Amino acid sequence: MTPNFEALGLIAEVALGIVGFSAVLIGLNRSTDRFSEPDQFRVQLLSFSGFGALFAALLPFAAFDIHDSTLSWQVVTAALLIYASAGLTIFPQRMLKLRAAGYADLFPTHIFAFQTGILVLVFLLSLLMMIGAIEALATCYTACLLLYLLQSSVAFFRTMFVRVRP
């Protein structure tokens, strides 16, 4: 089973658009001061999930070998699993620290659950793909990338419209 390269190309284009458009808006919106800690976190989460979707969408183009699709899927899902693991170890802890530092209003429980839930879901799905518990690899892989796009979109909108109050 080969991935849907057209869908992966579209996901890569959308991810690049989100990251690029975000960079322009953030650059134009930025004052001479540094970003606040919550804004830094949201930009980093946006970048992590946006670039994750972008590179994970492009990786199958480089890794896929028609003659040995099993090995190709192992490489692609292992890369996704490693990337998901990194996100899961970094972002929930940082969000909890921000909540404890007085920014609980910017990171309410439902936002924490949503953003952490996406990280957990991508990690679990990539783990299940890696160990062979999921047979519909192309569908599941695409779903993981769409989850990263959703997360980067939410982080983008929250960075633009939910500001730190002085």
C-alpha atoms as a PDB file:
ATOM      1  CA  MET A   1       0.000   0.000   0.000  1.00  0.00           C
ATOM      2  CA  THR A   2       1.468   3.331  -1.041  1.00  0.00           C
ATOM      3  CA  PRO A   3       0.612   6.701   0.442  1.00  0.00           C
ATOM      4  CA  ASN A   4      -1.596   9.125  -1.398  1.00  0.00           C
ATOM      5  CA  PHE A   5       1.114  11.420  -2.733  1.00  0.00           C
ATOM      6  CA  GLU A   6      -1.410  13.981  -3.987  1.00  0.00           C
ATOM      7  CA  ALA A   7      -2.886  14.341  -0.495  1.00  0.00           C
ATOM      8  CA  LEU A   8       0.588  14.557   1.030  1.00  0.00           C
ATOM      9  CA  GLY A   9       1.550  17.261  -1.447  1.00  0.00           C
ATOM     10  CA  LEU A  10      -1.564  19.239  -0.570  1.00  0.00           C
ATOM     11  CA  ILE A  11      -0.860  18.866   3.163  1.00  0.00           C
ATOM     12  CA  ALA A  12       2.705  20.092   2.604  1.00  0.00           C
ATOM     13  CA  GLU A  13       1.428  23.122   0.690  1.00  0.00           C
ATOM     14  CA  VAL A  14      -1.126  23.993   3.376  1.00  0.00           C
ATOM     15  CA  ALA A  15       1.456  23.554   6.152  1.00  0.00           C
ATOM     16  CA  LEU A  16       3.928  25.764   4.315  1.00  0.00           C
ATOM     17  CA  GLY A  17       1.190  28.347   3.815  1.00  0.00           C
ATOM     18  CA  ILE A  18       0.255  28.354   7.504  1.00  0.00           C
ATOM     19  CA  VAL A  19       3.853  28.635   8.644  1.00  0.00           C
ATOM     20  CA  GLY A  20       4.726  31.277   6.043  1.00  0.00           C
ATOM     21  CA  PHE A  21       1.615  33.361   6.583  1.00  0.00           C
ATOM     22  CA  SER A  22       2.139  33.110  10.336  1.00  0.00           C
ATOM     23  CA  ALA A  23       5.710  34.303  10.027  1.00  0.00           C
ATOM     24  CA  VAL A  24       4.635  37.338   8.021  1.00  0.00           C
ATOM     25  CA  LEU A  25       1.794  38.259  10.373  1.00  0.00           C
ATOM     26  CA  ILE A  26       3.876  37.673  13.474  1.00  0.00           C
ATOM     27  CA  GLY A  27       6.698  39.745  12.021  1.00  0.00           C
ATOM     28  CA  LEU A  28       4.357  42.606  11.156  1.00  0.00           C
ATOM     29  CA  ASN A  29       2.506  42.372  14.448  1.00  0.00           C
ATOM     30  CA  ARG A  30       5.620  42.301  16.581  1.00  0.00           C
ATOM     31  CA  SER A  31       6.618  45.399  18.488  1.00  0.00           C
ATOM     32  CA  THR A  32      10.179  46.308  19.454  1.00  0.00           C
ATOM     33  CA  ASP A  33       9.726  44.243  22.605  1.00  0.00           C
ATOM     34  CA  ARG A  34      10.286  40.537  22.698  1.00  0.00           C
ATOM     35  CA  PHE A  35       7.397  38.153  22.574  1.00  0.00           C
ATOM     36  CA  SER A  36       5.862  37.367  25.921  1.00  0.00           C
ATOM     37  CA  GLU A  37       6.428  33.860  27.280  1.00  0.00           C
ATOM     38  CA  PRO A  38       2.937  32.677  26.254  1.00  0.00           C
ATOM     39  CA  ASP A  39       3.364  34.105  22.753  1.00  0.00           C
ATOM     40  CA  GLN A  40       6.777  32.465  22.445  1.00  0.00           C
ATOM     41  CA  PHE A  41       5.226  29.159  23.458  1.00  0.00           C
ATOM     42  CA  ARG A  42       2.385  29.475  20.959  1.00  0.00           C
ATOM     43  CA  VAL A  43       4.751  30.428  18.127  1.00  0.00           C
ATOM     44  CA  GLN A  44       6.963  27.462  18.969  1.00  0.00           C
ATOM     45  CA  LEU A  45       3.957  25.099  19.079  1.00  0.00           C
ATOM     46  CA  LEU A  46       2.724  26.535  15.784  1.00  0.00           C
ATOM     47  CA  SER A  47       6.168  26.065  14.235  1.00  0.00           C
ATOM     48  CA  PHE A  48       6.552  22.557  15.652  1.00  0.00           C
ATOM     49  CA  SER A  49       3.210  21.323  14.349  1.00  0.00           C
ATOM     50  CA  GLY A  50       3.362  23.250  11.064  1.00  0.00           C
ATOM     51  CA  PHE A  51       6.863  22.109  10.194  1.00  0.00           C
ATOM     52  CA  GLY A  52       6.010  18.626  11.479  1.00  0.00           C
ATOM     53  CA  ALA A  53       3.137  18.397   9.010  1.00  0.00           C
ATOM     54  CA  LEU A  54       5.310  19.840   6.247  1.00  0.00           C
ATOM     55  CA  PHE A  55       8.293  17.539   6.667  1.00  0.00           C
ATOM     56  CA  ALA A  56       6.211  14.474   7.459  1.00  0.00           C
ATOM     57  CA  ALA A  57       4.256  15.106   4.257  1.00  0.00           C
ATOM     58  CA  LEU A  58       7.462  15.392   2.244  1.00  0.00           C
ATOM     59  CA  LEU A  59       9.288  12.446   3.832  1.00  0.00           C
ATOM     60  CA  PRO A  60       7.355   9.731   1.941  1.00  0.00           C
ATOM     61  CA  PHE A  61       8.415  11.312  -1.358  1.00  0.00           C
ATOM     62  CA  ALA A  62      12.023  10.630  -0.402  1.00  0.00           C
ATOM     63  CA  ALA A  63      11.637   7.418   1.583  1.00  0.00           C
ATOM     64  CA  PHE A  64       9.149   5.449  -0.410  1.00  0.00           C
ATOM     65  CA  ASP A  65      10.372   2.559  -2.482  1.00  0.00           C
ATOM     66  CA  ILE A  66       7.740   0.726  -4.485  1.00  0.00           C
ATOM     67  CA  HIS A  67       9.693  -2.526  -4.253  1.00  0.00           C
ATOM     68  CA  ASP A  68       9.886  -2.517  -0.460  1.00  0.00           C
ATOM     69  CA  SER A  69       6.945  -0.567   0.870  1.00  0.00           C
ATOM     70  CA  THR A  70       7.200  -2.286   4.271  1.00  0.00           C
ATOM     71  CA  LEU A  71      10.628  -0.808   4.917  1.00  0.00           C
ATOM     72  CA  SER A  72       9.483   2.562   3.585  1.00  0.00           C
ATOM     73  CA  TRP A  73       6.517   2.590   5.967  1.00  0.00           C
ATOM     74  CA  GLN A  74       8.802   1.666   8.866  1.00  0.00           C
ATOM     75  CA  VAL A  75      11.100   4.580   8.112  1.00  0.00           C
ATOM     76  CA  VAL A  76       8.245   7.053   7.700  1.00  0.00           C
ATOM     77  CA  THR A  77       6.319   5.953  10.794  1.00  0.00           C
ATOM     78  CA  ALA A  78       9.496   5.785  12.902  1.00  0.00           C
ATOM     79  CA  ALA A  79      10.298   9.379  11.956  1.00  0.00           C
ATOM     80  CA  LEU A  80       6.757  10.443  12.843  1.00  0.00           C
ATOM     81  CA  LEU A  81       6.958   8.562  16.151  1.00  0.00           C
ATOM     82  CA  ILE A  82      10.250  10.228  17.092  1.00  0.00           C
ATOM     83  CA  TYR A  83       8.894  13.661  16.180  1.00  0.00           C
ATOM     84  CA  ALA A  84       5.655  13.049  18.089  1.00  0.00           C
ATOM     85  CA  SER A  85       7.660  11.876  21.112  1.00  0.00           C
ATOM     86  CA  ALA A  86       9.671  15.087  21.100  1.00  0.00           C
ATOM     87  CA  GLY A  87       6.540  17.220  21.010  1.00  0.00           C
ATOM     88  CA  LEU A  88       4.910  15.233  23.769  1.00  0.00           C
ATOM     89  CA  THR A  89       7.915  15.610  26.052  1.00  0.00           C
ATOM     90  CA  ILE A  90       8.315  19.357  25.461  1.00  0.00           C
ATOM     91  CA  PHE A  91       4.985  21.129  25.049  1.00  0.00           C
ATOM     92  CA  PRO A  92       2.657  19.806  27.784  1.00  0.00           C
ATOM     93  CA  GLN A  93       5.262  20.512  30.469  1.00  0.00           C
ATOM     94  CA  ARG A  94       5.894  24.008  29.163  1.00  0.00           C
ATOM     95  CA  MET A  95       2.178  24.751  29.039  1.00  0.00           C
ATOM     96  CA  LEU A  96       1.765  23.567  32.628  1.00  0.00           C
ATOM     97  CA  LYS A  97       4.652  25.831  33.682  1.00  0.00           C
ATOM     98  CA  LEU A  98       2.994  28.777  31.958  1.00  0.00           C
ATOM     99  CA  ARG A  99      -0.292  28.004  33.679  1.00  0.00           C
ATOM    100  CA  ALA A 100       1.514  27.887  37.037  1.00  0.00           C
ATOM    101  CA  ALA A 101       3.283  31.176  36.237  1.00  0.00           C
ATOM    102  CA  GLY A 102      -0.042  33.002  36.116  1.00  0.00           C
ATOM    103  CA  TYR A 103      -1.144  32.460  32.535  1.00  0.00           C
ATOM    104  CA  ALA A 104      -3.946  30.005  33.277  1.00  0.00           C
ATOM    105  CA  ASP A 105      -6.413  32.382  31.604  1.00  0.00           C
ATOM    106  CA  LEU A 106      -4.449  32.110  28.333  1.00  0.00           C
ATOM    107  CA  PHE A 107      -4.164  28.336  28.606  1.00  0.00           C
ATOM    108  CA  PRO A 108      -7.451  27.154  30.118  1.00  0.00           C
ATOM    109  CA  THR A 109      -7.993  23.482  30.799  1.00  0.00           C
ATOM    110  CA  HIS A 110      -9.877  22.862  27.562  1.00  0.00           C
ATOM    111  CA  ILE A 111      -7.042  24.378  25.482  1.00  0.00           C
ATOM    112  CA  PHE A 112      -4.462  22.352  27.412  1.00  0.00           C
ATOM    113  CA  ALA A 113      -6.527  19.192  26.873  1.00  0.00           C
ATOM    114  CA  PHE A 114      -7.045  19.943  23.167  1.00  0.00           C
ATOM    115  CA  GLN A 115      -3.415  20.714  22.359  1.00  0.00           C
ATOM    116  CA  THR A 116      -2.001  17.943  24.519  1.00  0.00           C
ATOM    117  CA  GLY A 117      -4.657  15.557  23.208  1.00  0.00           C
ATOM    118  CA  ILE A 118      -3.487  16.118  19.642  1.00  0.00           C
ATOM    119  CA  LEU A 119       0.111  15.436  20.658  1.00  0.00           C
ATOM    120  CA  VAL A 120      -0.928  12.258  22.493  1.00  0.00           C
ATOM    121  CA  LEU A 121      -3.140  11.100  19.623  1.00  0.00           C
ATOM    122  CA  VAL A 122      -0.408  11.557  17.013  1.00  0.00           C
ATOM    123  CA  PHE A 123       2.045   9.747  19.293  1.00  0.00           C
ATOM    124  CA  LEU A 124      -0.328   6.821  19.877  1.00  0.00           C
ATOM    125  CA  LEU A 125      -1.317   6.501  16.229  1.00  0.00           C
ATOM    126  CA  SER A 126       2.301   6.608  15.083  1.00  0.00           C
ATOM    127  CA  LEU A 127       3.224   4.030  17.736  1.00  0.00           C
ATOM    128  CA  LEU A 128       0.392   1.735  16.610  1.00  0.00           C
ATOM    129  CA  MET A 129       1.482   2.151  12.994  1.00  0.00           C
ATOM    130  CA  MET A 130       5.072   1.396  13.933  1.00  0.00           C
ATOM    131  CA  ILE A 131       4.234  -1.838  15.753  1.00  0.00           C
ATOM    132  CA  GLY A 132       1.898  -2.970  12.987  1.00  0.00           C
ATOM    133  CA  ALA A 133      -1.385  -2.712  14.892  1.00  0.00           C
ATOM    134  CA  ILE A 134      -2.911  -0.505  12.183  1.00  0.00           C
ATOM    135  CA  GLU A 135      -3.251  -1.802   8.649  1.00  0.00           C
ATOM    136  CA  ALA A 136      -4.565   1.336   6.959  1.00  0.00           C
ATOM    137  CA  LEU A 137      -1.175   3.046   7.164  1.00  0.00           C
ATOM    138  CA  ALA A 138      -1.770   5.652   4.459  1.00  0.00           C
ATOM    139  CA  THR A 139      -5.062   6.783   5.983  1.00  0.00           C
ATOM    140  CA  CYS A 140      -3.721   6.877   9.510  1.00  0.00           C
ATOM    141  CA  TYR A 141      -0.534   8.683   8.486  1.00  0.00           C
ATOM    142  CA  THR A 142      -2.553  11.309   6.621  1.00  0.00           C
ATOM    143  CA  ALA A 143      -4.826  11.712   9.657  1.00  0.00           C
ATOM    144  CA  CYS A 144      -1.775  12.386  11.854  1.00  0.00           C
ATOM    145  CA  LEU A 145      -0.612  15.099   9.490  1.00  0.00           C
ATOM    146  CA  LEU A 146      -4.072  16.645   9.436  1.00  0.00           C
ATOM    147  CA  LEU A 147      -4.010  16.695  13.248  1.00  0.00           C
ATOM    148  CA  TYR A 148      -0.730  18.610  13.109  1.00  0.00           C
ATOM    149  CA  LEU A 149      -2.321  21.059  10.651  1.00  0.00           C
ATOM    150  CA  LEU A 150      -5.267  21.505  13.001  1.00  0.00           C
ATOM    151  CA  GLN A 151      -2.941  22.137  15.915  1.00  0.00           C
ATOM    152  CA  SER A 152      -0.851  24.673  14.012  1.00  0.00           C
ATOM    153  CA  SER A 153      -4.011  26.462  12.875  1.00  0.00           C
ATOM    154  CA  VAL A 154      -5.326  26.716  16.430  1.00  0.00           C
ATOM    155  CA  ALA A 155      -1.936  27.938  17.667  1.00  0.00           C
ATOM    156  CA  PHE A 156      -1.867  30.495  14.852  1.00  0.00           C
ATOM    157  CA  PHE A 157      -5.300  31.898  15.656  1.00  0.00           C
ATOM    158  CA  ARG A 158      -4.582  31.959  19.370  1.00  0.00           C
ATOM    159  CA  THR A 159      -1.295  33.778  18.770  1.00  0.00           C
ATOM    160  CA  MET A 160      -2.998  36.376  16.613  1.00  0.00           C
ATOM    161  CA  PHE A 161      -6.201  36.930  18.569  1.00  0.00           C
ATOM    162  CA  VAL A 162      -5.663  35.882  22.189  1.00  0.00           C
ATOM    163  CA  ARG A 163      -3.129  38.337  23.508  1.00  0.00           C
ATOM    164  CA  VAL A 164      -1.351  38.724  26.821  1.00  0.00           C
ATOM    165  CA  ARG A 165      -2.965  41.480  28.855  1.00  0.00           C
ATOM    166  CA  PRO A 166      -0.491  43.898  30.446  1.00  0.00           C
END
